C-alpha atoms as a PDB file:
ATOM      1  CA  MET A   1       0.422-182.306-106.145  1.00  0.00           C
ATOM      2  CA  LYS A   2      -0.191-178.917-104.552  1.00  0.00           C
ATOM      3  CA  LEU A   3       2.145-176.217-105.833  1.00  0.00           C
ATOM      4  CA  SER A   4       3.681-173.845-103.293  1.00  0.00           C
ATOM      5  CA  GLN A   5       3.247-170.093-103.647  1.00  0.00           C
ATOM      6  CA  PRO A   6       6.251-168.290-105.184  1.00  0.00           C
ATOM      7  CA  THR A   7       8.414-166.374-102.755  1.00  0.00           C
ATOM      8  CA  VAL A   8       9.068-162.697-103.454  1.00  0.00           C
ATOM      9  CA  SER A   9      12.553-161.903-102.208  1.00  0.00           C
ATOM     10  CA  ARG A  10      13.818-158.671-100.695  1.00  0.00           C
ATOM     11  CA  VAL A  11      10.444-157.173 -99.784  1.00  0.00           C
ATOM     12  CA  GLY A  12       9.937-154.140 -97.571  1.00  0.00           C
ATOM     13  CA  ILE A  13       6.515-153.774 -95.934  1.00  0.00           C
ATOM     14  CA  TYR A  14       5.862-150.168 -94.924  1.00  0.00           C
ATOM     15  CA  VAL A  15       3.263-149.195 -92.297  1.00  0.00           C
ATOM     16  CA  ARG A  16       2.549-145.603 -91.220  1.00  0.00           C
ATOM     17  CA  VAL A  17       0.118-143.906 -88.855  1.00  0.00           C
ATOM     18  CA  SER A  18       0.083-140.171 -88.208  1.00  0.00           C
ATOM     19  CA  SER A  19      -0.013-140.093 -84.415  1.00  0.00           C
ATOM     20  CA  LYS A  20       0.423-142.220 -81.307  1.00  0.00           C
ATOM     21  CA  THR A  21      -3.352-142.259 -80.796  1.00  0.00           C
ATOM     22  CA  GLN A  22      -3.763-144.239 -84.033  1.00  0.00           C
ATOM     23  CA  ASP A  23      -2.839-147.836 -84.692  1.00  0.00           C
ATOM     24  CA  ALA A  24      -2.163-149.969 -87.745  1.00  0.00           C
ATOM     25  CA  ALA A  25      -5.028-152.401 -87.117  1.00  0.00           C
ATOM     26  CA  SER A  26      -6.709-151.450 -90.401  1.00  0.00           C
ATOM     27  CA  GLN A  27      -3.514-151.948 -92.415  1.00  0.00           C
ATOM     28  CA  GLU A  28      -1.822-155.030 -91.038  1.00  0.00           C
ATOM     29  CA  PRO A  29      -4.384-157.796 -91.816  1.00  0.00           C
ATOM     30  CA  ASP A  30      -4.235-157.131 -95.578  1.00  0.00           C
ATOM     31  CA  LEU A  31      -0.452-156.810 -95.499  1.00  0.00           C
ATOM     32  CA  ARG A  32      -0.012-160.037 -93.524  1.00  0.00           C
ATOM     33  CA  ARG A  33      -2.325-161.881 -95.934  1.00  0.00           C
ATOM     34  CA  TRP A  34      -0.163-160.663 -98.817  1.00  0.00           C
ATOM     35  CA  VAL A  35       2.991-161.860 -97.062  1.00  0.00           C
ATOM     36  CA  ALA A  36       1.398-165.239 -96.302  1.00  0.00           C
ATOM     37  CA  ALA A  37       0.449-165.648 -99.954  1.00  0.00           C
ATOM     38  CA  HIS A  38       3.893-164.736-101.290  1.00  0.00           C
ATOM     39  CA  GLY A  39       6.164-166.222 -98.633  1.00  0.00           C
ATOM     40  CA  GLU A  40       7.744-164.959 -95.431  1.00  0.00           C
ATOM     41  CA  GLU A  41      11.341-165.278 -96.593  1.00  0.00           C
ATOM     42  CA  GLY A  42      13.123-162.015 -97.344  1.00  0.00           C
ATOM     43  CA  VAL A  43      10.350-159.814 -95.903  1.00  0.00           C
ATOM     44  CA  ARG A  44      11.194-156.895 -93.610  1.00  0.00           C
ATOM     45  CA  TRP A  45       8.787-154.538 -91.865  1.00  0.00           C
ATOM     46  CA  PHE A  46       9.305-150.770 -91.531  1.00  0.00           C
ATOM     47  CA  ARG A  47       7.043-148.600 -89.371  1.00  0.00           C
ATOM     48  CA  ASP A  48       6.475-144.916 -88.670  1.00  0.00           C
ATOM     49  CA  THR A  49       4.324-142.769 -86.412  1.00  0.00           C
ATOM     50  CA  PHE A  50       4.718-139.574 -88.357  1.00  0.00           C
ATOM     51  CA  THR A  51       2.863-137.121 -90.583  1.00  0.00           C
ATOM     52  CA  GLY A  52       2.642-138.051 -94.248  1.00  0.00           C
ATOM     53  CA  LYS A  53       3.317-134.446 -95.249  1.00  0.00           C
ATOM     54  CA  SER A  54       7.025-135.008 -94.660  1.00  0.00           C
ATOM     55  CA  MET A  55       9.027-137.638 -96.530  1.00  0.00           C
ATOM     56  CA  ASN A  56      11.709-137.432 -93.827  1.00  0.00           C
ATOM     57  CA  ARG A  57      10.616-140.139 -91.366  1.00  0.00           C
ATOM     58  CA  PRO A  58      12.771-142.584 -89.347  1.00  0.00           C
ATOM     59  CA  GLY A  59      11.202-145.811 -90.572  1.00  0.00           C
ATOM     60  CA  PHE A  60      10.854-144.603 -94.142  1.00  0.00           C
ATOM     61  CA  ASN A  61      14.464-143.394 -94.171  1.00  0.00           C
ATOM     62  CA  LYS A  62      15.611-146.878 -93.131  1.00  0.00           C
ATOM     63  CA  LEU A  63      13.512-148.401 -95.914  1.00  0.00           C
ATOM     64  CA  LEU A  64      14.937-145.970 -98.476  1.00  0.00           C
ATOM     65  CA  ALA A  65      18.492-146.707 -97.321  1.00  0.00           C
ATOM     66  CA  GLU A  66      17.884-150.431 -97.839  1.00  0.00           C
ATOM     67  CA  ILE A  67      16.514-149.768-101.328  1.00  0.00           C
ATOM     68  CA  ARG A  68      19.522-147.613-102.247  1.00  0.00           C
ATOM     69  CA  ALA A  69      21.850-150.315-100.949  1.00  0.00           C
ATOM     70  CA  GLY A  70      20.182-152.819-103.277  1.00  0.00           C
ATOM     71  CA  LYS A  71      18.773-154.883-100.403  1.00  0.00           C
ATOM     72  CA  ILE A  72      15.082-154.345-101.222  1.00  0.00           C
ATOM     73  CA  ASP A  73      13.504-154.524-104.672  1.00  0.00           C
ATOM     74  CA  THR A  74       9.783-154.534-103.809  1.00  0.00           C
ATOM     75  CA  VAL A  75       7.881-152.212-101.452  1.00  0.00           C
ATOM     76  CA  VAL A  76       4.396-153.185-100.322  1.00  0.00           C
ATOM     77  CA  ILE A  77       1.985-150.729 -98.681  1.00  0.00           C
ATOM     78  CA  TRP A  78      -1.661-150.855 -97.678  1.00  0.00           C
ATOM     79  CA  ARG A  79      -2.641-147.638 -99.447  1.00  0.00           C
ATOM     80  CA  LEU A  80      -0.652-144.951-101.253  1.00  0.00           C
ATOM     81  CA  ASP A  81      -1.371-142.208 -98.700  1.00  0.00           C
ATOM     82  CA  ARG A  82       0.498-144.318 -96.115  1.00  0.00           C
ATOM     83  CA  LEU A  83       3.638-143.722 -98.172  1.00  0.00           C
ATOM     84  CA  GLY A  84       3.137-139.949 -98.324  1.00  0.00           C
ATOM     85  CA  ARG A  85       0.643-137.143 -98.816  1.00  0.00           C
ATOM     86  CA  THR A  86       2.420-134.691-101.109  1.00  0.00           C
ATOM     87  CA  ALA A  87       2.309-135.021-104.881  1.00  0.00           C
ATOM     88  CA  ARG A  88       5.865-133.734-105.232  1.00  0.00           C
ATOM     89  CA  GLY A  89       7.334-136.115-102.664  1.00  0.00           C
ATOM     90  CA  LEU A  90       5.526-139.137-104.086  1.00  0.00           C
ATOM     91  CA  THR A  91       6.341-138.273-107.698  1.00  0.00           C
ATOM     92  CA  GLU A  92      10.056-137.934-106.883  1.00  0.00           C
ATOM     93  CA  LEU A  93       9.876-141.252-105.048  1.00  0.00           C
ATOM     94  CA  PHE A  94       8.253-142.965-108.050  1.00  0.00           C
ATOM     95  CA  GLU A  95      11.055-141.654-110.266  1.00  0.00           C
ATOM     96  CA  GLU A  96      13.691-143.037-107.897  1.00  0.00           C
ATOM     97  CA  PHE A  97      11.927-146.384-107.682  1.00  0.00           C
ATOM     98  CA  GLY A  98      11.870-146.533-111.484  1.00  0.00           C
ATOM     99  CA  ALA A  99      15.560-145.681-111.758  1.00  0.00           C
ATOM    100  CA  ARG A 100      16.446-148.356-109.195  1.00  0.00           C
ATOM    101  CA  ARG A 101      14.004-150.897-110.653  1.00  0.00           C
ATOM    102  CA  THR A 102      12.164-151.071-107.349  1.00  0.00           C
ATOM    103  CA  ASN A 103       8.560-152.159-107.609  1.00  0.00           C
ATOM    104  CA  LEU A 104       5.789-150.625-105.488  1.00  0.00           C
ATOM    105  CA  ILE A 105       2.607-152.527-104.684  1.00  0.00           C
ATOM    106  CA  SER A 106      -0.348-150.751-103.045  1.00  0.00           C
ATOM    107  CA  LEU A 107      -2.926-153.315-101.970  1.00  0.00           C
ATOM    108  CA  ARG A 108      -6.020-151.122-101.559  1.00  0.00           C
ATOM    109  CA  ASP A 109      -5.291-149.072-104.689  1.00  0.00           C
ATOM    110  CA  GLY A 110      -4.582-152.117-106.860  1.00  0.00           C
ATOM    111  CA  LEU A 111      -1.375-150.402-107.935  1.00  0.00           C
ATOM    112  CA  ASP A 112       1.735-152.061-109.343  1.00  0.00           C
ATOM    113  CA  LEU A 113       4.558-149.832-110.657  1.00  0.00           C
ATOM    114  CA  LYS A 114       5.758-152.569-112.989  1.00  0.00           C
ATOM    115  CA  THR A 115       2.924-151.720-115.383  1.00  0.00           C
ATOM    116  CA  SER A 116       2.446-148.522-117.403  1.00  0.00           C
ATOM    117  CA  ALA A 117      -1.136-148.306-116.121  1.00  0.00           C
ATOM    118  CA  GLY A 118       0.181-148.629-112.577  1.00  0.00           C
ATOM    119  CA  ARG A 119       2.647-145.784-113.087  1.00  0.00           C
ATOM    120  CA  LEU A 120      -0.108-143.549-114.451  1.00  0.00           C
ATOM    121  CA  MET A 121      -2.414-144.452-111.557  1.00  0.00           C
ATOM    122  CA  ALA A 122       0.373-143.764-109.038  1.00  0.00           C
ATOM    123  CA  ASN A 123       0.777-140.169-110.193  1.00  0.00           C
ATOM    124  CA  VAL A 124      -2.980-139.581-110.248  1.00  0.00           C
ATOM    125  CA  LEU A 125      -3.344-140.967-106.723  1.00  0.00           C
ATOM    126  CA  ALA A 126      -0.414-138.823-105.530  1.00  0.00           C
ATOM    127  CA  SER A 127      -2.287-135.705-106.642  1.00  0.00           C
ATOM    128  CA  VAL A 128      -5.471-136.969-104.983  1.00  0.00           C
ATOM    129  CA  ALA A 129      -3.618-137.599-101.690  1.00  0.00           C
ATOM    130  CA  GLN A 130      -2.302-134.031-101.654  1.00  0.00           C
ATOM    131  CA  TYR A 131      -5.742-132.645-102.542  1.00  0.00           C
ATOM    132  CA  GLU A 132      -7.337-134.549 -99.654  1.00  0.00           C
ATOM    133  CA  THR A 133      -4.684-133.239 -97.274  1.00  0.00           C
ATOM    134  CA  GLU A 134      -5.279-129.644 -98.353  1.00  0.00           C
ATOM    135  CA  ILE A 135      -9.064-130.011 -98.082  1.00  0.00           C
ATOM    136  CA  ARG A 136      -8.723-131.505 -94.591  1.00  0.00           C
ATOM    137  CA  ALA A 137      -6.526-128.596 -93.494  1.00  0.00           C
ATOM    138  CA  GLU A 138      -9.009-126.082 -94.911  1.00  0.00           C
ATOM    139  CA  ARG A 139     -11.867-127.748 -93.011  1.00  0.00           C
ATOM    140  CA  VAL A 140      -9.926-127.622 -89.750  1.00  0.00           C
ATOM    141  CA  LEU A 141      -9.156-123.918 -90.210  1.00  0.00           C
ATOM    142  CA  ALA A 142     -12.765-123.195 -91.134  1.00  0.00           C
ATOM    143  CA  GLY A 143     -13.986-125.041 -88.044  1.00  0.00           C
ATOM    144  CA  LEU A 144     -11.606-123.083 -85.806  1.00  0.00           C
ATOM    145  CA  ALA A 145     -12.769-119.806 -87.348  1.00  0.00           C
ATOM    146  CA  VAL A 146     -16.427-120.678 -86.670  1.00  0.00           C
ATOM    147  CA  ALA A 147     -15.592-121.652 -83.094  1.00  0.00           C
ATOM    148  CA  ARG A 148     -13.825-118.319 -82.497  1.00  0.00           C
ATOM    149  CA  GLU A 149     -16.816-116.409 -83.916  1.00  0.00           C
ATOM    150  CA  LYS A 150     -19.042-118.231 -81.418  1.00  0.00           C
ATOM    151  CA  GLY A 151     -16.747-117.204 -78.566  1.00  0.00           C
ATOM    152  CA  VAL A 152     -15.340-120.663 -77.952  1.00  0.00           C
ATOM    153  CA  ARG A 153     -11.980-120.443 -76.223  1.00  0.00           C
ATOM    154  CA  LEU A 154      -9.418-122.638 -77.955  1.00  0.00           C
ATOM    155  CA  GLY A 155      -6.412-124.180 -76.287  1.00  0.00           C
ATOM    156  CA  ARG A 156      -5.866-125.197 -72.673  1.00  0.00           C
ATOM    157  CA  PRO A 157      -8.406-124.029 -70.065  1.00  0.00           C
ATOM    158  CA  GLU A 158      -7.590-120.853 -68.181  1.00  0.00           C
ATOM    159  CA  GLY A 159      -5.826-121.346 -64.872  1.00  0.00           C
ATOM    160  CA  ILE A 160      -4.155-124.590 -65.913  1.00  0.00           C
ATOM    161  CA  HIS A 161      -0.437-124.018 -66.039  1.00  0.00           C
ATOM    162  CA  THR A 162       0.917-127.534 -65.521  1.00  0.00           C
ATOM    163  CA  ARG A 163       3.904-127.977 -67.776  1.00  0.00           C
ATOM    164  CA  VAL A 164       3.395-130.559 -70.494  1.00  0.00           C
ATOM    165  CA  LYS A 165       5.867-133.428 -70.202  1.00  0.00           C
ATOM    166  CA  VAL A 166       8.059-133.490 -73.300  1.00  0.00           C
ATOM    167  CA  THR A 167      10.182-136.530 -74.082  1.00  0.00           C
ATOM    168  CA  ASP A 168      13.753-136.219 -75.319  1.00  0.00           C
ATOM    169  CA  GLU A 169      12.609-137.820 -78.582  1.00  0.00           C
ATOM    170  CA  GLN A 170       9.886-135.203 -79.099  1.00  0.00           C
ATOM    171  CA  ALA A 171      12.279-132.341 -78.315  1.00  0.00           C
ATOM    172  CA  ALA A 172      14.894-133.665 -80.750  1.00  0.00           C
ATOM    173  CA  GLN A 173      12.268-134.209 -83.430  1.00  0.00           C
ATOM    174  CA  ALA A 174      10.917-130.672 -82.999  1.00  0.00           C
ATOM    175  CA  ARG A 175      14.371-129.112 -83.343  1.00  0.00           C
ATOM    176  CA  ARG A 176      15.216-131.277 -86.342  1.00  0.00           C
ATOM    177  CA  LEU A 177      11.999-130.368 -88.162  1.00  0.00           C
ATOM    178  CA  LYS A 178      12.583-126.674 -87.430  1.00  0.00           C
ATOM    179  CA  ALA A 179      16.112-126.939 -88.846  1.00  0.00           C
ATOM    180  CA  GLU A 180      14.621-128.489 -91.983  1.00  0.00           C
ATOM    181  CA  GLY A 181      12.396-125.445 -92.430  1.00  0.00           C
ATOM    182  CA  HIS A 182       9.048-126.809 -91.203  1.00  0.00           C
ATOM    183  CA  GLY A 183       6.613-124.392 -89.555  1.00  0.00           C
ATOM    184  CA  VAL A 184       5.409-124.577 -85.965  1.00  0.00           C
ATOM    185  CA  SER A 185       1.986-125.967 -86.976  1.00  0.00           C
ATOM    186  CA  ALA A 186       3.565-128.823 -88.940  1.00  0.00           C
ATOM    187  CA  ILE A 187       5.973-129.576 -86.076  1.00  0.00           C
ATOM    188  CA  SER A 188       3.055-129.568 -83.637  1.00  0.00           C
ATOM    189  CA  ARG A 189       1.152-132.137 -85.729  1.00  0.00           C
ATOM    190  CA  ALA A 190       4.214-134.324 -86.193  1.00  0.00           C
ATOM    191  CA  THR A 191       5.191-134.401 -82.507  1.00  0.00           C
ATOM    192  CA  GLY A 192       1.744-134.315 -80.924  1.00  0.00           C
ATOM    193  CA  LEU A 193       2.724-131.278 -78.852  1.00  0.00           C
ATOM    194  CA  SER A 194       0.843-127.997 -78.649  1.00  0.00           C
ATOM    195  CA  ARG A 195       2.074-124.949 -80.517  1.00  0.00           C
ATOM    196  CA  PRO A 196       2.908-123.050 -77.276  1.00  0.00           C
ATOM    197  CA  THR A 197       5.012-126.012 -76.175  1.00  0.00           C
ATOM    198  CA  ILE A 198       6.813-126.030 -79.536  1.00  0.00           C
ATOM    199  CA  TYR A 199       7.488-122.290 -79.264  1.00  0.00           C
ATOM    200  CA  SER A 200       8.866-122.827 -75.743  1.00  0.00           C
ATOM    201  CA  LEU A 201      11.126-125.676 -76.914  1.00  0.00           C
ATOM    202  CA  LEU A 202      12.481-123.674 -79.825  1.00  0.00           C
ATOM    203  CA  ARG A 203      13.162-120.629 -77.646  1.00  0.00           C
ATOM    204  CA  VAL A 204      15.186-122.801 -75.276  1.00  0.00           C
ATOM    205  CA  ALA A 205      17.070-124.310 -78.225  1.00  0.00           C
ATOM    206  CA  ALA A 206      17.888-120.841 -79.569  1.00  0.00           C
END
């Protein structure tokens, strides 16, 4: 007689991409295979299109609220950097998960917070995620500096003054991030709007 796979109850699947130009095609097949192997019952999906440098994201906040309400006891992600890209934010999250007895499973990292080895690996990977983020930012800045030295004009072409269409959602997100103390560059990356547009939005809000 063929035995059925055990069902893991109260599971939250979290998927994040950084911008609207990206999709979750690389993440979802592995996650759906995991769900199929462990049972569909009790599984909820949470999604974000948001930078991993901030732990304050709509989909993630909903997931965290469900965890704090005792409705989710296992979080499954494709890779740890989908959960966040700052060592401090991830470490604080691991501590909360431990206090609430919430397990975290990262498929690509082979990580399971239920084990002592998994907890050690989680903190190491959190530091690696932040390091990669900082290196990426340094490379971008270095590339911009080289372009300026070569006389390359950055930004929108001269003579083009068409106003960029800003959605109500983007405007609200920009103002909220500013109120939380984020800089214009971070707000620009999170909303997908240019820095001049962000400055214009914030001036209007002031």
